[in-house]
């Protein structure tokens, strides 16, 4: 089995608990307006690896990640679900904590084979970092070019199987930074008992230079990061009283 990998990060500090080796898989079906990794979009690009080769690369850093683990991100890693399953199985056999950073966009609750494919990956996954892009379906389509129906169905599946989850939500001025939407998202999360943490990620413009290099127009040109006050407001709504 071969998978397409965009890059590695050997000392990740923000992609799950502890120090982590991060694998960025290549390919993503969504086109989020705030995406800072447009170079991961193309399916079938990147460098080919076997799961064993990636595991060997990660295990070079065993002494650093022994209290952290390995996170597979993207792109959208579940586009290569079989590869991630095999990689995680190897890592778990080595006693390494596994985390999956996903939007859930590849999940289709009406497709039994698709559901089983996702369950197979989740069986080898210790923690899911779930990126909820937007709680409103129409706004989610504007933001990502896709409905949020399947991602929210995936979130419900994670709750049903009691898979530990950290929620990640990017706060973008004029798009997701709305008390109305934040309150609706909090109401959804209050219906779950598997969510361990909620992270509010302020939008930033650090990816803009990548668009320039790729010759792609930056879709949020001129949009400023949210103020400290608005970030604190979002954290208060989404996290207060229950979530760390």
C-alpha atoms as a PDB file:
ATOM      1  CA  UNK A   1       0.000   0.000   0.000  1.00  0.00           C
ATOM      2  CA  UNK A   2       1.204   3.487  -0.869  1.00  0.00           C
ATOM      3  CA  UNK A   3      -0.005   6.862   0.319  1.00  0.00           C
ATOM      4  CA  UNK A   4       0.641  10.418  -0.812  1.00  0.00           C
ATOM      5  CA  UNK A   5       2.244  12.571   1.879  1.00  0.00           C
ATOM      6  CA  UNK A   6       2.725  16.315   1.665  1.00  0.00           C
ATOM      7  CA  UNK A   7       5.205  16.764   4.530  1.00  0.00           C
ATOM      8  CA  UNK A   8       6.230  15.920   8.096  1.00  0.00           C
ATOM      9  CA  UNK A   9       6.641  18.021  11.220  1.00  0.00           C
ATOM     10  CA  UNK A  10       8.904  16.416  13.795  1.00  0.00           C
ATOM     11  CA  UNK A  11       8.162  18.594  16.818  1.00  0.00           C
ATOM     12  CA  UNK A  12       4.471  19.525  16.718  1.00  0.00           C
ATOM     13  CA  UNK A  13       3.085  21.283  19.788  1.00  0.00           C
ATOM     14  CA  UNK A  14      -0.446  22.238  18.697  1.00  0.00           C
ATOM     15  CA  UNK A  15      -1.847  19.076  17.117  1.00  0.00           C
ATOM     16  CA  UNK A  16      -2.932  17.046  20.116  1.00  0.00           C
ATOM     17  CA  UNK A  17      -1.519  16.331  23.561  1.00  0.00           C
ATOM     18  CA  UNK A  18       2.221  16.526  24.186  1.00  0.00           C
ATOM     19  CA  UNK A  19       4.995  16.701  21.611  1.00  0.00           C
ATOM     20  CA  UNK A  20       3.880  15.078  18.366  1.00  0.00           C
ATOM     21  CA  UNK A  21       5.191  13.911  15.033  1.00  0.00           C
ATOM     22  CA  UNK A  22       2.733  15.293  12.474  1.00  0.00           C
ATOM     23  CA  UNK A  23       2.072  13.712   9.082  1.00  0.00           C
ATOM     24  CA  UNK A  24       0.405  16.019   6.563  1.00  0.00           C
ATOM     25  CA  UNK A  25      -1.388  13.913   3.963  1.00  0.00           C
ATOM     26  CA  UNK A  26      -1.870  15.198   0.424  1.00  0.00           C
ATOM     27  CA  UNK A  27      -5.286  15.946  -1.072  1.00  0.00           C
ATOM     28  CA  UNK A  28      -8.434  17.729   0.072  1.00  0.00           C
ATOM     29  CA  UNK A  29     -11.922  17.988  -1.469  1.00  0.00           C
ATOM     30  CA  UNK A  30     -12.772  21.260   0.276  1.00  0.00           C
ATOM     31  CA  UNK A  31     -11.640  24.744  -0.611  1.00  0.00           C
ATOM     32  CA  UNK A  32     -11.963  26.606   2.679  1.00  0.00           C
ATOM     33  CA  UNK A  33     -11.614  30.349   2.175  1.00  0.00           C
ATOM     34  CA  UNK A  34      -9.171  30.576   5.069  1.00  0.00           C
ATOM     35  CA  UNK A  35      -7.096  27.501   4.154  1.00  0.00           C
ATOM     36  CA  UNK A  36      -3.409  28.184   4.789  1.00  0.00           C
ATOM     37  CA  UNK A  37      -2.208  25.019   3.025  1.00  0.00           C
ATOM     38  CA  UNK A  38      -3.446  25.276  -0.590  1.00  0.00           C
ATOM     39  CA  UNK A  39      -0.398  23.244  -1.592  1.00  0.00           C
ATOM     40  CA  UNK A  40      -2.085  20.191  -0.001  1.00  0.00           C
ATOM     41  CA  UNK A  41      -5.240  20.336  -2.157  1.00  0.00           C
ATOM     42  CA  UNK A  42      -4.201  18.279  -5.185  1.00  0.00           C
ATOM     43  CA  UNK A  43      -5.011  14.580  -4.914  1.00  0.00           C
ATOM     44  CA  UNK A  44      -2.208  12.253  -5.994  1.00  0.00           C
ATOM     45  CA  UNK A  45       0.555  14.822  -5.594  1.00  0.00           C
ATOM     46  CA  UNK A  46       3.172  14.797  -2.849  1.00  0.00           C
ATOM     47  CA  UNK A  47       5.621  12.002  -2.160  1.00  0.00           C
ATOM     48  CA  UNK A  48       4.640   8.334  -2.042  1.00  0.00           C
ATOM     49  CA  UNK A  49       5.291   6.328   1.105  1.00  0.00           C
ATOM     50  CA  UNK A  50       4.230   3.010   2.543  1.00  0.00           C
ATOM     51  CA  UNK A  51       2.691   3.008   6.047  1.00  0.00           C
ATOM     52  CA  UNK A  52       5.824   1.234   7.283  1.00  0.00           C
ATOM     53  CA  UNK A  53       8.072   3.958   5.879  1.00  0.00           C
ATOM     54  CA  UNK A  54       6.083   6.713   7.580  1.00  0.00           C
ATOM     55  CA  UNK A  55       6.039   4.776  10.849  1.00  0.00           C
ATOM     56  CA  UNK A  56       9.820   4.369  10.707  1.00  0.00           C
ATOM     57  CA  UNK A  57      10.182   8.108  10.135  1.00  0.00           C
ATOM     58  CA  UNK A  58       7.991   8.871  13.154  1.00  0.00           C
ATOM     59  CA  UNK A  59       9.701   6.344  15.392  1.00  0.00           C
ATOM     60  CA  UNK A  60      13.037   8.086  14.862  1.00  0.00           C
ATOM     61  CA  UNK A  61      11.593  10.610  17.324  1.00  0.00           C
ATOM     62  CA  UNK A  62      10.264   8.084  19.834  1.00  0.00           C
ATOM     63  CA  UNK A  63      12.159   9.639  22.750  1.00  0.00           C
ATOM     64  CA  UNK A  64      10.518  13.019  22.040  1.00  0.00           C
ATOM     65  CA  UNK A  65       6.986  11.816  21.341  1.00  0.00           C
ATOM     66  CA  UNK A  66       6.758   9.116  24.011  1.00  0.00           C
ATOM     67  CA  UNK A  67       4.441  11.348  26.093  1.00  0.00           C
ATOM     68  CA  UNK A  68       2.769  12.788  23.003  1.00  0.00           C
ATOM     69  CA  UNK A  69       2.305  10.764  19.851  1.00  0.00           C
ATOM     70  CA  UNK A  70       1.646  10.953  16.135  1.00  0.00           C
ATOM     71  CA  UNK A  71      -1.022  13.111  14.495  1.00  0.00           C
ATOM     72  CA  UNK A  72      -2.131  12.607  10.899  1.00  0.00           C
ATOM     73  CA  UNK A  73      -3.465  15.795   9.332  1.00  0.00           C
ATOM     74  CA  UNK A  74      -3.774  17.203   5.835  1.00  0.00           C
ATOM     75  CA  UNK A  75      -5.153  18.113   3.462  1.00  0.00           C
ATOM     76  CA  UNK A  76      -7.889  15.694   4.429  1.00  0.00           C
ATOM     77  CA  UNK A  77      -6.326  12.473   5.743  1.00  0.00           C
ATOM     78  CA  UNK A  78      -9.496  10.401   5.409  1.00  0.00           C
ATOM     79  CA  UNK A  79      -9.236  10.632   1.622  1.00  0.00           C
ATOM     80  CA  UNK A  80      -6.552   7.985   2.227  1.00  0.00           C
ATOM     81  CA  UNK A  81      -8.364   6.129   4.981  1.00  0.00           C
ATOM     82  CA  UNK A  82      -6.837   2.707   4.322  1.00  0.00           C
ATOM     83  CA  UNK A  83      -3.338   4.142   4.520  1.00  0.00           C
ATOM     84  CA  UNK A  84      -4.071   5.956   7.782  1.00  0.00           C
ATOM     85  CA  UNK A  85      -5.605   2.797   9.269  1.00  0.00           C
ATOM     86  CA  UNK A  86      -2.493   0.767   8.465  1.00  0.00           C
ATOM     87  CA  UNK A  87      -0.157   3.478   9.737  1.00  0.00           C
ATOM     88  CA  UNK A  88      -2.054   3.825  13.010  1.00  0.00           C
ATOM     89  CA  UNK A  89      -2.158   0.060  13.501  1.00  0.00           C
ATOM     90  CA  UNK A  90       1.642  -0.057  13.264  1.00  0.00           C
ATOM     91  CA  UNK A  91       2.046   2.880  15.648  1.00  0.00           C
ATOM     92  CA  UNK A  92      -0.364   1.477  18.206  1.00  0.00           C
ATOM     93  CA  UNK A  93       1.600  -1.764  18.083  1.00  0.00           C
ATOM     94  CA  UNK A  94       4.597   0.338  19.130  1.00  0.00           C
ATOM     95  CA  UNK A  95       2.658   1.936  21.988  1.00  0.00           C
ATOM     96  CA  UNK A  96       2.348   5.323  20.257  1.00  0.00           C
ATOM     97  CA  UNK A  97      -0.715   7.543  20.822  1.00  0.00           C
ATOM     98  CA  UNK A  98      -2.545   8.271  17.547  1.00  0.00           C
ATOM     99  CA  UNK A  99      -4.554  11.369  16.679  1.00  0.00           C
ATOM    100  CA  UNK A 100      -6.529  12.159  13.530  1.00  0.00           C
ATOM    101  CA  UNK A 101      -7.066  15.769  12.433  1.00  0.00           C
ATOM    102  CA  UNK A 102     -10.080  15.787  10.100  1.00  0.00           C
ATOM    103  CA  UNK A 103     -13.130  17.747   9.009  1.00  0.00           C
ATOM    104  CA  UNK A 104     -15.193  14.581   8.523  1.00  0.00           C
ATOM    105  CA  UNK A 105     -16.034  15.688   4.982  1.00  0.00           C
ATOM    106  CA  UNK A 106     -15.386  12.212   3.531  1.00  0.00           C
ATOM    107  CA  UNK A 107     -18.027  10.550   5.718  1.00  0.00           C
ATOM    108  CA  UNK A 108     -21.328   9.506   4.118  1.00  0.00           C
ATOM    109  CA  UNK A 109     -23.810   7.949   6.579  1.00  0.00           C
ATOM    110  CA  UNK A 110     -25.909   6.554   3.710  1.00  0.00           C
ATOM    111  CA  UNK A 111     -23.023   4.474   2.321  1.00  0.00           C
ATOM    112  CA  UNK A 112     -22.405   1.338   4.405  1.00  0.00           C
ATOM    113  CA  UNK A 113     -18.967   0.708   2.941  1.00  0.00           C
ATOM    114  CA  UNK A 114     -17.973   4.308   3.622  1.00  0.00           C
ATOM    115  CA  UNK A 115     -19.200   4.075   7.206  1.00  0.00           C
ATOM    116  CA  UNK A 116     -17.233   0.862   7.773  1.00  0.00           C
ATOM    117  CA  UNK A 117     -14.115   2.381   6.226  1.00  0.00           C
ATOM    118  CA  UNK A 118     -14.276   5.242   8.701  1.00  0.00           C
ATOM    119  CA  UNK A 119     -14.992   2.928  11.627  1.00  0.00           C
ATOM    120  CA  UNK A 120     -11.942   0.859  10.693  1.00  0.00           C
ATOM    121  CA  UNK A 121      -9.720   3.937  10.923  1.00  0.00           C
ATOM    122  CA  UNK A 122     -11.337   5.068  14.156  1.00  0.00           C
ATOM    123  CA  UNK A 123     -10.672   1.666  15.728  1.00  0.00           C
ATOM    124  CA  UNK A 124      -6.954   2.513  15.474  1.00  0.00           C
ATOM    125  CA  UNK A 125      -7.381   6.154  16.543  1.00  0.00           C
ATOM    126  CA  UNK A 126      -6.966   7.329  20.134  1.00  0.00           C
ATOM    127  CA  UNK A 127      -8.134  10.924  19.604  1.00  0.00           C
ATOM    128  CA  UNK A 128      -9.947  12.851  16.871  1.00  0.00           C
ATOM    129  CA  UNK A 129      -9.247  16.537  16.318  1.00  0.00           C
ATOM    130  CA  UNK A 130     -12.490  17.494  14.586  1.00  0.00           C
ATOM    131  CA  UNK A 131     -12.511  20.736  12.598  1.00  0.00           C
ATOM    132  CA  UNK A 132     -16.056  22.084  12.569  1.00  0.00           C
ATOM    133  CA  UNK A 133     -15.924  24.725   9.889  1.00  0.00           C
ATOM    134  CA  UNK A 134     -19.378  26.333  10.246  1.00  0.00           C
ATOM    135  CA  UNK A 135     -22.572  25.326  12.025  1.00  0.00           C
ATOM    136  CA  UNK A 136     -24.860  26.908   9.398  1.00  0.00           C
ATOM    137  CA  UNK A 137     -25.227  24.802   6.251  1.00  0.00           C
ATOM    138  CA  UNK A 138     -25.582  27.667   3.768  1.00  0.00           C
ATOM    139  CA  UNK A 139     -22.614  29.492   5.284  1.00  0.00           C
ATOM    140  CA  UNK A 140     -20.623  26.258   5.349  1.00  0.00           C
ATOM    141  CA  UNK A 141     -21.148  25.914   1.595  1.00  0.00           C
ATOM    142  CA  UNK A 142     -19.943  29.473   1.046  1.00  0.00           C
ATOM    143  CA  UNK A 143     -16.916  28.853   3.240  1.00  0.00           C
ATOM    144  CA  UNK A 144     -15.853  25.395   2.011  1.00  0.00           C
ATOM    145  CA  UNK A 145     -17.853  24.674  -1.210  1.00  0.00           C
ATOM    146  CA  UNK A 146     -19.510  21.727   0.605  1.00  0.00           C
ATOM    147  CA  UNK A 147     -22.528  21.088   2.812  1.00  0.00           C
ATOM    148  CA  UNK A 148     -21.889  20.446   6.508  1.00  0.00           C
ATOM    149  CA  UNK A 149     -24.355  17.518   6.588  1.00  0.00           C
ATOM    150  CA  UNK A 150     -21.722  14.778   6.361  1.00  0.00           C
ATOM    151  CA  UNK A 151     -19.241  16.411   8.760  1.00  0.00           C
ATOM    152  CA  UNK A 152     -21.985  16.808  11.361  1.00  0.00           C
ATOM    153  CA  UNK A 153     -23.065  13.208  10.795  1.00  0.00           C
ATOM    154  CA  UNK A 154     -19.449  12.214  11.422  1.00  0.00           C
ATOM    155  CA  UNK A 155     -19.452  14.215  14.653  1.00  0.00           C
ATOM    156  CA  UNK A 156     -22.547  12.303  15.770  1.00  0.00           C
ATOM    157  CA  UNK A 157     -20.886   8.987  14.886  1.00  0.00           C
ATOM    158  CA  UNK A 158     -17.900   9.888  17.040  1.00  0.00           C
ATOM    159  CA  UNK A 159     -20.230  10.552  19.940  1.00  0.00           C
ATOM    160  CA  UNK A 160     -22.094   7.282  19.374  1.00  0.00           C
ATOM    161  CA  UNK A 161     -18.904   5.232  19.543  1.00  0.00           C
ATOM    162  CA  UNK A 162     -17.579   7.358  22.427  1.00  0.00           C
ATOM    163  CA  UNK A 163     -14.399   8.330  20.600  1.00  0.00           C
ATOM    164  CA  UNK A 164     -12.526  11.098  22.448  1.00  0.00           C
ATOM    165  CA  UNK A 165     -12.705  14.360  20.504  1.00  0.00           C
ATOM    166  CA  UNK A 166     -11.141  17.794  20.581  1.00  0.00           C
ATOM    167  CA  UNK A 167     -13.220  20.320  18.633  1.00  0.00           C
ATOM    168  CA  UNK A 168     -11.391  22.930  16.578  1.00  0.00           C
ATOM    169  CA  UNK A 169     -13.159  26.001  15.240  1.00  0.00           C
ATOM    170  CA  UNK A 170     -11.508  28.746  13.209  1.00  0.00           C
ATOM    171  CA  UNK A 171     -12.776  32.206  14.126  1.00  0.00           C
ATOM    172  CA  UNK A 172     -12.974  34.442  11.043  1.00  0.00           C
ATOM    173  CA  UNK A 173     -14.206  38.028  11.145  1.00  0.00           C
ATOM    174  CA  UNK A 174     -17.482  38.354   9.231  1.00  0.00           C
ATOM    175  CA  UNK A 175     -17.774  34.602   8.595  1.00  0.00           C
ATOM    176  CA  UNK A 176     -17.701  32.479  11.747  1.00  0.00           C
ATOM    177  CA  UNK A 177     -17.326  35.265  14.307  1.00  0.00           C
ATOM    178  CA  UNK A 178     -21.020  35.636  15.064  1.00  0.00           C
ATOM    179  CA  UNK A 179     -22.629  35.118  18.464  1.00  0.00           C
ATOM    180  CA  UNK A 180     -25.625  33.528  16.725  1.00  0.00           C
ATOM    181  CA  UNK A 181     -23.498  30.869  15.060  1.00  0.00           C
ATOM    182  CA  UNK A 182     -21.286  30.338  18.100  1.00  0.00           C
ATOM    183  CA  UNK A 183     -24.332  29.758  20.320  1.00  0.00           C
ATOM    184  CA  UNK A 184     -25.713  27.238  17.799  1.00  0.00           C
ATOM    185  CA  UNK A 185     -22.398  25.431  17.734  1.00  0.00           C
ATOM    186  CA  UNK A 186     -22.292  25.331  21.527  1.00  0.00           C
ATOM    187  CA  UNK A 187     -25.811  23.860  21.567  1.00  0.00           C
ATOM    188  CA  UNK A 188     -24.609  21.074  19.266  1.00  0.00           C
ATOM    189  CA  UNK A 189     -21.600  20.351  21.460  1.00  0.00           C
ATOM    190  CA  UNK A 190     -23.738  20.244  24.585  1.00  0.00           C
ATOM    191  CA  UNK A 191     -25.481  17.217  23.068  1.00  0.00           C
ATOM    192  CA  UNK A 192     -22.186  15.298  22.974  1.00  0.00           C
ATOM    193  CA  UNK A 193     -20.501  13.597  25.917  1.00  0.00           C
ATOM    194  CA  UNK A 194     -17.260  12.634  24.147  1.00  0.00           C
ATOM    195  CA  UNK A 195     -15.851  16.145  23.654  1.00  0.00           C
ATOM    196  CA  UNK A 196     -12.837  16.683  25.908  1.00  0.00           C
ATOM    197  CA  UNK A 197     -11.726  20.093  24.691  1.00  0.00           C
ATOM    198  CA  UNK A 198     -12.738  22.976  22.427  1.00  0.00           C
ATOM    199  CA  UNK A 199     -10.069  25.057  20.700  1.00  0.00           C
ATOM    200  CA  UNK A 200     -10.848  28.446  19.172  1.00  0.00           C
ATOM    201  CA  UNK A 201      -8.301  29.113  16.435  1.00  0.00           C
ATOM    202  CA  UNK A 202      -8.077  32.782  15.374  1.00  0.00           C
ATOM    203  CA  UNK A 203      -7.889  33.267  11.619  1.00  0.00           C
ATOM    204  CA  UNK A 204      -4.458  34.417  10.425  1.00  0.00           C
ATOM    205  CA  UNK A 205      -2.964  35.491   7.111  1.00  0.00           C
ATOM    206  CA  UNK A 206       0.265  33.471   7.230  1.00  0.00           C
ATOM    207  CA  UNK A 207      -0.839  31.302   4.320  1.00  0.00           C
ATOM    208  CA  UNK A 208      -1.309  34.243   1.953  1.00  0.00           C
ATOM    209  CA  UNK A 209       2.250  33.976   0.641  1.00  0.00           C
ATOM    210  CA  UNK A 210       1.573  30.388  -0.486  1.00  0.00           C
ATOM    211  CA  UNK A 211      -1.309  31.580  -2.670  1.00  0.00           C
ATOM    212  CA  UNK A 212       0.988  34.134  -4.266  1.00  0.00           C
ATOM    213  CA  UNK A 213       3.607  31.480  -5.009  1.00  0.00           C
ATOM    214  CA  UNK A 214       0.956  29.193  -6.522  1.00  0.00           C
ATOM    215  CA  UNK A 215      -0.566  32.006  -8.569  1.00  0.00           C
ATOM    216  CA  UNK A 216      -3.930  31.685  -6.800  1.00  0.00           C
ATOM    217  CA  UNK A 217      -5.991  34.705  -5.787  1.00  0.00           C
ATOM    218  CA  UNK A 218      -6.216  34.911  -1.997  1.00  0.00           C
ATOM    219  CA  UNK A 219      -9.964  34.767  -1.227  1.00  0.00           C
ATOM    220  CA  UNK A 220      -9.863  36.650   2.096  1.00  0.00           C
ATOM    221  CA  UNK A 221      -7.634  39.496   0.972  1.00  0.00           C
ATOM    222  CA  UNK A 222      -8.016  42.366   3.435  1.00  0.00           C
ATOM    223  CA  UNK A 223      -9.803  40.355   6.130  1.00  0.00           C
ATOM    224  CA  UNK A 224      -8.123  41.005   9.462  1.00  0.00           C
ATOM    225  CA  UNK A 225      -7.658  38.488  12.270  1.00  0.00           C
ATOM    226  CA  UNK A 226     -10.299  38.758  15.018  1.00  0.00           C
ATOM    227  CA  UNK A 227      -9.540  40.990  17.973  1.00  0.00           C
ATOM    228  CA  UNK A 228      -8.471  39.593  21.326  1.00  0.00           C
ATOM    229  CA  UNK A 229     -11.885  40.539  22.679  1.00  0.00           C
ATOM    230  CA  UNK A 230     -13.715  38.575  19.979  1.00  0.00           C
ATOM    231  CA  UNK A 231     -11.508  35.526  20.515  1.00  0.00           C
ATOM    232  CA  UNK A 232     -12.211  35.674  24.250  1.00  0.00           C
ATOM    233  CA  UNK A 233     -15.922  36.039  23.494  1.00  0.00           C
ATOM    234  CA  UNK A 234     -15.878  32.922  21.313  1.00  0.00           C
ATOM    235  CA  UNK A 235     -13.981  30.999  23.974  1.00  0.00           C
ATOM    236  CA  UNK A 236     -16.488  32.104  26.595  1.00  0.00           C
ATOM    237  CA  UNK A 237     -19.432  30.899  24.509  1.00  0.00           C
ATOM    238  CA  UNK A 238     -17.914  27.630  23.309  1.00  0.00           C
ATOM    239  CA  UNK A 239     -15.914  26.587  26.344  1.00  0.00           C
ATOM    240  CA  UNK A 240     -17.258  28.138  29.534  1.00  0.00           C
ATOM    241  CA  UNK A 241     -18.549  25.792  32.205  1.00  0.00           C
ATOM    242  CA  UNK A 242     -17.762  22.504  30.545  1.00  0.00           C
ATOM    243  CA  UNK A 243     -14.945  22.369  28.017  1.00  0.00           C
ATOM    244  CA  UNK A 244     -11.259  22.978  28.732  1.00  0.00           C
END
